[in-house]
C-alpha atoms as a PDB file:
ATOM      1  CA  UNK A   1       9.965 -15.001 -12.075  1.00  0.00           C
ATOM      2  CA  UNK A   2       6.908 -13.544 -10.445  1.00  0.00           C
ATOM      3  CA  UNK A   3       4.731 -16.488 -11.446  1.00  0.00           C
ATOM      4  CA  UNK A   4       7.076 -18.856  -9.600  1.00  0.00           C
ATOM      5  CA  UNK A   5       6.960 -16.759  -6.440  1.00  0.00           C
ATOM      6  CA  UNK A   6       3.215 -16.479  -6.103  1.00  0.00           C
ATOM      7  CA  UNK A   7       1.680 -19.239  -4.019  1.00  0.00           C
ATOM      8  CA  UNK A   8      -1.658 -19.178  -5.755  1.00  0.00           C
ATOM      9  CA  UNK A   9      -2.450 -19.566  -9.434  1.00  0.00           C
ATOM     10  CA  UNK A  10      -3.791 -16.667 -11.444  1.00  0.00           C
ATOM     11  CA  UNK A  11      -5.920 -16.740 -14.546  1.00  0.00           C
ATOM     12  CA  UNK A  12      -4.559 -15.252 -17.720  1.00  0.00           C
ATOM     13  CA  UNK A  13      -7.031 -13.041 -19.478  1.00  0.00           C
ATOM     14  CA  UNK A  14      -6.183 -12.212 -23.084  1.00  0.00           C
ATOM     15  CA  UNK A  15      -7.664  -9.064 -24.519  1.00  0.00           C
ATOM     16  CA  UNK A  16      -7.446  -7.503 -27.931  1.00  0.00           C
ATOM     17  CA  UNK A  17      -5.320  -4.415 -28.386  1.00  0.00           C
ATOM     18  CA  UNK A  18      -6.645  -1.107 -29.527  1.00  0.00           C
ATOM     19  CA  UNK A  19      -5.074   2.258 -30.180  1.00  0.00           C
ATOM     20  CA  UNK A  20      -6.274   5.298 -28.296  1.00  0.00           C
ATOM     21  CA  UNK A  21      -5.001   8.815 -28.600  1.00  0.00           C
ATOM     22  CA  UNK A  22      -5.290  11.645 -26.095  1.00  0.00           C
ATOM     23  CA  UNK A  23      -3.797  14.942 -27.158  1.00  0.00           C
ATOM     24  CA  UNK A  24      -3.428  17.414 -24.311  1.00  0.00           C
ATOM     25  CA  UNK A  25      -0.409  19.189 -22.980  1.00  0.00           C
ATOM     26  CA  UNK A  26       1.235  20.705 -19.954  1.00  0.00           C
ATOM     27  CA  UNK A  27       3.291  19.538 -17.009  1.00  0.00           C
ATOM     28  CA  UNK A  28       2.791  21.196 -13.635  1.00  0.00           C
ATOM     29  CA  UNK A  29       4.395  20.543 -10.287  1.00  0.00           C
ATOM     30  CA  UNK A  30       3.605  21.496  -6.722  1.00  0.00           C
ATOM     31  CA  UNK A  31       5.621  23.943  -4.694  1.00  0.00           C
ATOM     32  CA  UNK A  32       8.813  22.613  -3.144  1.00  0.00           C
ATOM     33  CA  UNK A  33       8.269  24.357   0.220  1.00  0.00           C
ATOM     34  CA  UNK A  34       6.076  21.794   1.945  1.00  0.00           C
ATOM     35  CA  UNK A  35       5.985  20.780   5.609  1.00  0.00           C
ATOM     36  CA  UNK A  36       8.186  17.932   6.799  1.00  0.00           C
ATOM     37  CA  UNK A  37       5.285  15.755   7.912  1.00  0.00           C
ATOM     38  CA  UNK A  38       3.858  12.986   5.736  1.00  0.00           C
ATOM     39  CA  UNK A  39       0.825  14.168   3.827  1.00  0.00           C
ATOM     40  CA  UNK A  40      -1.211  13.871   0.637  1.00  0.00           C
ATOM     41  CA  UNK A  41      -0.670  16.480  -2.070  1.00  0.00           C
ATOM     42  CA  UNK A  42      -3.663  16.897  -4.364  1.00  0.00           C
ATOM     43  CA  UNK A  43      -3.109  17.594  -8.069  1.00  0.00           C
ATOM     44  CA  UNK A  44       0.640  17.431  -7.571  1.00  0.00           C
ATOM     45  CA  UNK A  45       1.463  16.960 -11.256  1.00  0.00           C
ATOM     46  CA  UNK A  46      -0.230  16.939 -14.649  1.00  0.00           C
ATOM     47  CA  UNK A  47       1.174  14.775 -17.446  1.00  0.00           C
ATOM     48  CA  UNK A  48       1.299  15.715 -21.119  1.00  0.00           C
ATOM     49  CA  UNK A  49      -2.095  14.043 -21.729  1.00  0.00           C
ATOM     50  CA  UNK A  50      -3.705  16.312 -19.150  1.00  0.00           C
ATOM     51  CA  UNK A  51      -4.055  13.606 -16.484  1.00  0.00           C
ATOM     52  CA  UNK A  52      -3.832  14.976 -12.944  1.00  0.00           C
ATOM     53  CA  UNK A  53      -2.146  12.951 -10.202  1.00  0.00           C
ATOM     54  CA  UNK A  54      -2.177  13.206  -6.444  1.00  0.00           C
ATOM     55  CA  UNK A  55       1.087  12.579  -4.645  1.00  0.00           C
ATOM     56  CA  UNK A  56       2.126  11.687  -1.126  1.00  0.00           C
ATOM     57  CA  UNK A  57       5.120  12.904   0.840  1.00  0.00           C
ATOM     58  CA  UNK A  58       6.699  10.044   2.782  1.00  0.00           C
ATOM     59  CA  UNK A  59       9.907  10.855   4.600  1.00  0.00           C
ATOM     60  CA  UNK A  60      12.163  12.808   2.256  1.00  0.00           C
ATOM     61  CA  UNK A  61      10.444  11.575  -0.902  1.00  0.00           C
ATOM     62  CA  UNK A  62       7.353  12.671  -2.820  1.00  0.00           C
ATOM     63  CA  UNK A  63       5.712   9.807  -4.740  1.00  0.00           C
ATOM     64  CA  UNK A  64       2.781   9.770  -7.105  1.00  0.00           C
ATOM     65  CA  UNK A  65      -0.205   8.322  -5.245  1.00  0.00           C
ATOM     66  CA  UNK A  66      -1.675   6.969  -8.487  1.00  0.00           C
ATOM     67  CA  UNK A  67      -0.425   4.685 -11.251  1.00  0.00           C
ATOM     68  CA  UNK A  68       0.903   6.429 -14.340  1.00  0.00           C
ATOM     69  CA  UNK A  69      -1.591   6.508 -17.216  1.00  0.00           C
ATOM     70  CA  UNK A  70       0.042   8.624 -19.879  1.00  0.00           C
ATOM     71  CA  UNK A  71      -0.105   7.620 -23.548  1.00  0.00           C
ATOM     72  CA  UNK A  72       2.767   9.927 -24.521  1.00  0.00           C
ATOM     73  CA  UNK A  73       6.270  10.659 -23.321  1.00  0.00           C
ATOM     74  CA  UNK A  74       6.864  14.173 -21.989  1.00  0.00           C
ATOM     75  CA  UNK A  75       8.187  15.281 -25.391  1.00  0.00           C
ATOM     76  CA  UNK A  76       4.903  14.285 -27.057  1.00  0.00           C
ATOM     77  CA  UNK A  77       6.079  10.996 -28.589  1.00  0.00           C
ATOM     78  CA  UNK A  78       3.323   8.380 -28.650  1.00  0.00           C
ATOM     79  CA  UNK A  79       3.634   5.257 -26.486  1.00  0.00           C
ATOM     80  CA  UNK A  80       2.151   2.575 -28.720  1.00  0.00           C
ATOM     81  CA  UNK A  81      -0.503   0.263 -27.329  1.00  0.00           C
ATOM     82  CA  UNK A  82       0.423  -3.176 -28.607  1.00  0.00           C
ATOM     83  CA  UNK A  83       0.202  -6.892 -27.820  1.00  0.00           C
ATOM     84  CA  UNK A  84       3.739  -7.563 -29.043  1.00  0.00           C
ATOM     85  CA  UNK A  85       6.680  -8.840 -27.020  1.00  0.00           C
ATOM     86  CA  UNK A  86       9.632  -6.482 -27.274  1.00  0.00           C
ATOM     87  CA  UNK A  87      12.710  -5.592 -25.268  1.00  0.00           C
ATOM     88  CA  UNK A  88      13.429  -2.529 -27.414  1.00  0.00           C
ATOM     89  CA  UNK A  89      10.160  -0.971 -28.613  1.00  0.00           C
ATOM     90  CA  UNK A  90       8.251   1.085 -26.009  1.00  0.00           C
ATOM     91  CA  UNK A  91       4.794  -0.456 -25.453  1.00  0.00           C
ATOM     92  CA  UNK A  92       1.905   0.075 -23.090  1.00  0.00           C
ATOM     93  CA  UNK A  93      -0.855  -2.364 -22.169  1.00  0.00           C
ATOM     94  CA  UNK A  94      -4.308  -1.844 -20.647  1.00  0.00           C
ATOM     95  CA  UNK A  95      -4.989  -4.172 -17.679  1.00  0.00           C
ATOM     96  CA  UNK A  96      -8.496  -2.897 -16.968  1.00  0.00           C
ATOM     97  CA  UNK A  97     -11.197  -0.711 -18.474  1.00  0.00           C
ATOM     98  CA  UNK A  98     -10.740   1.439 -15.360  1.00  0.00           C
ATOM     99  CA  UNK A  99      -7.527   3.141 -16.486  1.00  0.00           C
ATOM    100  CA  UNK A 100      -8.036   6.005 -14.027  1.00  0.00           C
ATOM    101  CA  UNK A 101      -7.586   3.562 -11.137  1.00  0.00           C
ATOM    102  CA  UNK A 102      -5.203   0.952 -12.540  1.00  0.00           C
ATOM    103  CA  UNK A 103      -3.245   3.038 -15.028  1.00  0.00           C
ATOM    104  CA  UNK A 104      -1.430   1.451 -17.939  1.00  0.00           C
ATOM    105  CA  UNK A 105       1.206  -1.264 -17.801  1.00  0.00           C
ATOM    106  CA  UNK A 106       4.470  -0.432 -19.591  1.00  0.00           C
ATOM    107  CA  UNK A 107       7.366  -2.570 -20.752  1.00  0.00           C
ATOM    108  CA  UNK A 108      10.796  -1.521 -19.515  1.00  0.00           C
ATOM    109  CA  UNK A 109      11.674   0.073 -22.863  1.00  0.00           C
ATOM    110  CA  UNK A 110       8.768   2.467 -22.345  1.00  0.00           C
ATOM    111  CA  UNK A 111       9.640   3.024 -18.699  1.00  0.00           C
ATOM    112  CA  UNK A 112      13.222   4.019 -19.524  1.00  0.00           C
ATOM    113  CA  UNK A 113      12.715   5.738 -22.924  1.00  0.00           C
ATOM    114  CA  UNK A 114      16.291   5.040 -24.019  1.00  0.00           C
ATOM    115  CA  UNK A 115      18.017   5.779 -20.701  1.00  0.00           C
ATOM    116  CA  UNK A 116      20.568   3.434 -19.173  1.00  0.00           C
ATOM    117  CA  UNK A 117      19.713   1.515 -16.029  1.00  0.00           C
ATOM    118  CA  UNK A 118      20.455   3.276 -12.762  1.00  0.00           C
ATOM    119  CA  UNK A 119      20.532   2.412  -9.077  1.00  0.00           C
ATOM    120  CA  UNK A 120      21.419   5.939  -8.019  1.00  0.00           C
ATOM    121  CA  UNK A 121      19.315   7.790  -5.468  1.00  0.00           C
ATOM    122  CA  UNK A 122      17.761   9.698  -7.148  1.00  0.00           C
ATOM    123  CA  UNK A 123      17.924   7.634 -10.312  1.00  0.00           C
ATOM    124  CA  UNK A 124      18.336  10.559 -12.726  1.00  0.00           C
ATOM    125  CA  UNK A 125      16.041   8.797 -15.229  1.00  0.00           C
ATOM    126  CA  UNK A 126      12.995  10.772 -16.364  1.00  0.00           C
ATOM    127  CA  UNK A 127      11.924   8.003 -18.729  1.00  0.00           C
ATOM    128  CA  UNK A 128       8.149   7.826 -19.059  1.00  0.00           C
ATOM    129  CA  UNK A 129       7.537  10.265 -16.188  1.00  0.00           C
ATOM    130  CA  UNK A 130       6.315  13.865 -16.517  1.00  0.00           C
ATOM    131  CA  UNK A 131       8.830  16.704 -16.516  1.00  0.00           C
ATOM    132  CA  UNK A 132      10.149  17.335 -13.011  1.00  0.00           C
ATOM    133  CA  UNK A 133       9.596  13.702 -11.979  1.00  0.00           C
ATOM    134  CA  UNK A 134      11.605  10.520 -12.501  1.00  0.00           C
ATOM    135  CA  UNK A 135      11.462   6.727 -12.483  1.00  0.00           C
ATOM    136  CA  UNK A 136      12.606   5.544  -9.034  1.00  0.00           C
ATOM    137  CA  UNK A 137      15.596   3.248  -8.746  1.00  0.00           C
ATOM    138  CA  UNK A 138      15.655   0.143  -6.561  1.00  0.00           C
ATOM    139  CA  UNK A 139      17.602   2.244  -4.043  1.00  0.00           C
ATOM    140  CA  UNK A 140      14.732   4.744  -3.911  1.00  0.00           C
ATOM    141  CA  UNK A 141      12.171   1.975  -3.397  1.00  0.00           C
ATOM    142  CA  UNK A 142      14.378   0.586  -0.647  1.00  0.00           C
ATOM    143  CA  UNK A 143      14.449   4.020   1.007  1.00  0.00           C
ATOM    144  CA  UNK A 144      10.646   4.169   0.882  1.00  0.00           C
ATOM    145  CA  UNK A 145      10.193   0.717   2.408  1.00  0.00           C
ATOM    146  CA  UNK A 146      12.811   1.379   5.099  1.00  0.00           C
ATOM    147  CA  UNK A 147      11.085   4.624   6.022  1.00  0.00           C
ATOM    148  CA  UNK A 148       7.635   3.029   6.211  1.00  0.00           C
ATOM    149  CA  UNK A 149       9.080   0.252   8.375  1.00  0.00           C
ATOM    150  CA  UNK A 150      10.576   2.807  10.767  1.00  0.00           C
ATOM    151  CA  UNK A 151       7.206   4.425  11.524  1.00  0.00           C
ATOM    152  CA  UNK A 152       5.196   2.549  14.152  1.00  0.00           C
ATOM    153  CA  UNK A 153       1.874   3.847  12.817  1.00  0.00           C
ATOM    154  CA  UNK A 154       2.557   2.291   9.405  1.00  0.00           C
ATOM    155  CA  UNK A 155       3.660  -1.252  10.303  1.00  0.00           C
ATOM    156  CA  UNK A 156       1.442  -4.224  11.069  1.00  0.00           C
ATOM    157  CA  UNK A 157       1.830  -6.175  14.313  1.00  0.00           C
ATOM    158  CA  UNK A 158       4.923  -4.192  15.288  1.00  0.00           C
ATOM    159  CA  UNK A 159       7.171  -5.661  12.563  1.00  0.00           C
ATOM    160  CA  UNK A 160       9.217  -3.336  10.345  1.00  0.00           C
ATOM    161  CA  UNK A 161       8.872  -5.901   7.538  1.00  0.00           C
ATOM    162  CA  UNK A 162       5.070  -5.757   7.512  1.00  0.00           C
ATOM    163  CA  UNK A 163       4.580  -2.611   5.439  1.00  0.00           C
ATOM    164  CA  UNK A 164       2.511  -3.865   2.485  1.00  0.00           C
ATOM    165  CA  UNK A 165      -0.869  -3.010   4.017  1.00  0.00           C
ATOM    166  CA  UNK A 166       0.292   0.553   4.638  1.00  0.00           C
ATOM    167  CA  UNK A 167       0.972   1.015   0.914  1.00  0.00           C
ATOM    168  CA  UNK A 168      -1.856  -1.061  -0.598  1.00  0.00           C
ATOM    169  CA  UNK A 169      -5.220   0.402  -1.580  1.00  0.00           C
ATOM    170  CA  UNK A 170      -8.311  -0.435   0.447  1.00  0.00           C
ATOM    171  CA  UNK A 171     -10.176  -1.780  -2.581  1.00  0.00           C
ATOM    172  CA  UNK A 172      -9.657  -4.229  -5.432  1.00  0.00           C
ATOM    173  CA  UNK A 173      -7.739  -6.966  -3.618  1.00  0.00           C
ATOM    174  CA  UNK A 174      -8.583 -10.658  -3.509  1.00  0.00           C
ATOM    175  CA  UNK A 175      -9.361 -11.794   0.023  1.00  0.00           C
ATOM    176  CA  UNK A 176      -6.896 -13.789   2.120  1.00  0.00           C
ATOM    177  CA  UNK A 177      -7.772 -15.306   5.485  1.00  0.00           C
ATOM    178  CA  UNK A 178      -4.282 -16.409   6.493  1.00  0.00           C
ATOM    179  CA  UNK A 179      -1.728 -13.926   7.856  1.00  0.00           C
ATOM    180  CA  UNK A 180      -3.581 -11.060   9.556  1.00  0.00           C
ATOM    181  CA  UNK A 181      -0.965  -8.660   8.188  1.00  0.00           C
ATOM    182  CA  UNK A 182      -1.439  -9.766   4.582  1.00  0.00           C
ATOM    183  CA  UNK A 183      -2.893  -7.166   2.212  1.00  0.00           C
ATOM    184  CA  UNK A 184      -6.012  -9.224   1.449  1.00  0.00           C
ATOM    185  CA  UNK A 185      -6.882  -9.747   5.115  1.00  0.00           C
ATOM    186  CA  UNK A 186      -9.311  -7.002   6.180  1.00  0.00           C
ATOM    187  CA  UNK A 187      -8.253  -4.597   3.400  1.00  0.00           C
ATOM    188  CA  UNK A 188     -10.321  -1.814   4.973  1.00  0.00           C
ATOM    189  CA  UNK A 189      -7.305  -1.292   7.256  1.00  0.00           C
ATOM    190  CA  UNK A 190      -4.929  -0.795   4.302  1.00  0.00           C
ATOM    191  CA  UNK A 191      -3.435   2.428   2.929  1.00  0.00           C
ATOM    192  CA  UNK A 192      -2.625   4.408   6.053  1.00  0.00           C
ATOM    193  CA  UNK A 193       0.153   6.121   4.058  1.00  0.00           C
ATOM    194  CA  UNK A 194      -2.129   7.225   1.214  1.00  0.00           C
ATOM    195  CA  UNK A 195       0.150   5.521  -1.358  1.00  0.00           C
ATOM    196  CA  UNK A 196      -2.887   3.663  -2.766  1.00  0.00           C
ATOM    197  CA  UNK A 197      -1.184   0.792  -4.598  1.00  0.00           C
ATOM    198  CA  UNK A 198      -3.848  -1.052  -6.618  1.00  0.00           C
ATOM    199  CA  UNK A 199      -3.442  -4.696  -7.765  1.00  0.00           C
ATOM    200  CA  UNK A 200      -3.075  -4.120 -11.508  1.00  0.00           C
ATOM    201  CA  UNK A 201      -1.205  -7.410 -12.064  1.00  0.00           C
ATOM    202  CA  UNK A 202       1.184  -7.477 -15.009  1.00  0.00           C
ATOM    203  CA  UNK A 203       1.351  -8.304 -18.706  1.00  0.00           C
ATOM    204  CA  UNK A 204       3.282 -11.278 -20.128  1.00  0.00           C
ATOM    205  CA  UNK A 205       1.624 -12.134 -23.436  1.00  0.00           C
ATOM    206  CA  UNK A 206      -1.678 -11.691 -21.586  1.00  0.00           C
ATOM    207  CA  UNK A 207      -2.928  -9.974 -18.477  1.00  0.00           C
ATOM    208  CA  UNK A 208      -2.129 -11.825 -15.264  1.00  0.00           C
ATOM    209  CA  UNK A 209      -2.889 -11.203 -11.616  1.00  0.00           C
ATOM    210  CA  UNK A 210      -5.458  -8.395 -11.626  1.00  0.00           C
ATOM    211  CA  UNK A 211      -6.731  -8.315  -8.038  1.00  0.00           C
ATOM    212  CA  UNK A 212      -3.855 -10.462  -6.748  1.00  0.00           C
ATOM    213  CA  UNK A 213      -0.732  -8.287  -6.966  1.00  0.00           C
ATOM    214  CA  UNK A 214       0.984  -5.377  -8.602  1.00  0.00           C
ATOM    215  CA  UNK A 215       4.392  -5.024 -10.212  1.00  0.00           C
ATOM    216  CA  UNK A 216       6.137  -1.656 -10.059  1.00  0.00           C
ATOM    217  CA  UNK A 217       9.124  -1.165 -12.360  1.00  0.00           C
ATOM    218  CA  UNK A 218      12.306   0.533 -11.188  1.00  0.00           C
ATOM    219  CA  UNK A 219      15.042   2.233 -13.223  1.00  0.00           C
ATOM    220  CA  UNK A 220      17.472  -0.466 -12.074  1.00  0.00           C
ATOM    221  CA  UNK A 221      18.261  -3.189 -14.583  1.00  0.00           C
ATOM    222  CA  UNK A 222      20.551  -4.588 -17.234  1.00  0.00           C
ATOM    223  CA  UNK A 223      20.738  -7.358 -19.780  1.00  0.00           C
ATOM    224  CA  UNK A 224      17.239  -8.760 -20.241  1.00  0.00           C
ATOM    225  CA  UNK A 225      15.918  -8.159 -16.707  1.00  0.00           C
ATOM    226  CA  UNK A 226      15.073  -5.258 -14.423  1.00  0.00           C
ATOM    227  CA  UNK A 227      14.239  -4.848 -10.760  1.00  0.00           C
ATOM    228  CA  UNK A 228      10.678  -4.416  -9.593  1.00  0.00           C
ATOM    229  CA  UNK A 229       8.749  -4.192  -6.343  1.00  0.00           C
ATOM    230  CA  UNK A 230       5.555  -6.143  -5.811  1.00  0.00           C
ATOM    231  CA  UNK A 231       2.705  -6.059  -3.296  1.00  0.00           C
ATOM    232  CA  UNK A 232       0.557  -9.199  -3.180  1.00  0.00           C
ATOM    233  CA  UNK A 233      -2.788  -9.971  -1.552  1.00  0.00           C
ATOM    234  CA  UNK A 234      -1.267 -12.889   0.407  1.00  0.00           C
ATOM    235  CA  UNK A 235       1.932 -11.242   1.683  1.00  0.00           C
ATOM    236  CA  UNK A 236       2.616  -8.813   4.522  1.00  0.00           C
ATOM    237  CA  UNK A 237       5.863  -7.476   3.046  1.00  0.00           C
ATOM    238  CA  UNK A 238       6.830  -5.719  -0.179  1.00  0.00           C
ATOM    239  CA  UNK A 239       8.915  -8.063  -2.303  1.00  0.00           C
ATOM    240  CA  UNK A 240      11.926  -7.042  -4.406  1.00  0.00           C
ATOM    241  CA  UNK A 241      12.106  -9.197  -7.555  1.00  0.00           C
ATOM    242  CA  UNK A 242      13.625  -9.281 -11.033  1.00  0.00           C
ATOM    243  CA  UNK A 243      11.577  -9.667 -14.196  1.00  0.00           C
ATOM    244  CA  UNK A 244      12.162  -9.858 -17.934  1.00  0.00           C
ATOM    245  CA  UNK A 245      11.997  -6.441 -19.522  1.00  0.00           C
ATOM    246  CA  UNK A 246       9.388  -7.210 -22.186  1.00  0.00           C
ATOM    247  CA  UNK A 247       6.706  -7.635 -19.522  1.00  0.00           C
ATOM    248  CA  UNK A 248       4.281  -4.894 -18.611  1.00  0.00           C
ATOM    249  CA  UNK A 249       4.277  -3.361 -15.147  1.00  0.00           C
ATOM    250  CA  UNK A 250       2.948  -0.288 -13.365  1.00  0.00           C
ATOM    251  CA  UNK A 251       4.912   2.903 -12.812  1.00  0.00           C
ATOM    252  CA  UNK A 252       5.011   5.321  -9.882  1.00  0.00           C
ATOM    253  CA  UNK A 253       7.104   8.427 -10.430  1.00  0.00           C
ATOM    254  CA  UNK A 254       9.044  10.349  -7.779  1.00  0.00           C
ATOM    255  CA  UNK A 255       9.503  14.105  -7.761  1.00  0.00           C
ATOM    256  CA  UNK A 256      12.967  15.390  -8.645  1.00  0.00           C
END
């Protein structure tokens, strides 16, 4: 469990749930004929609510450079905002009033939208993502991390394992004065990739860890757990973990 892995305690903040509806439409995608070099793609996709997202090309993949914040699946079905614990009902949770930055947290039922777990690359699971994009598998996250670690300009102190700062946002992190390659140590040097991973924490009956870490769901899972990837203020690496599926985590989609 994530709470057992973290070396510092986090404060649980309970907030009341409220319903909010945004009714827009349209899904747009950028052109496929882009240069091979890593770069930021502005307004790469628009979800069904009308939210625009930048993306970043890293290696052979194109990732959203913002956390998903849709309130509807691509077919228009509402994703209910709720405080309930469920493995089966799709729920979303609001970790911060700044949804534009932190996005929503989703339980795995919402992430997958009825699809079976997958560790294929690509996963083949659209799930909660806009049309033309999909929920990345653990294999796709592994490809991303391996690529970042292979690029000398992205790693900290010459180690291929120290890639968290390259993916983490420059703002929002708790400070950490230990390991110089930890995300919370001099965060102004973070985010050289443009991935902009903010510390939205996660939901587990309450909101935990805002400012300390994030928890990105994958399409890989089974039983009551699923794989996730986490960046923490006091770590230099990106950690692969498993978590119970009723919890709320962030989502980054990858282009098909």
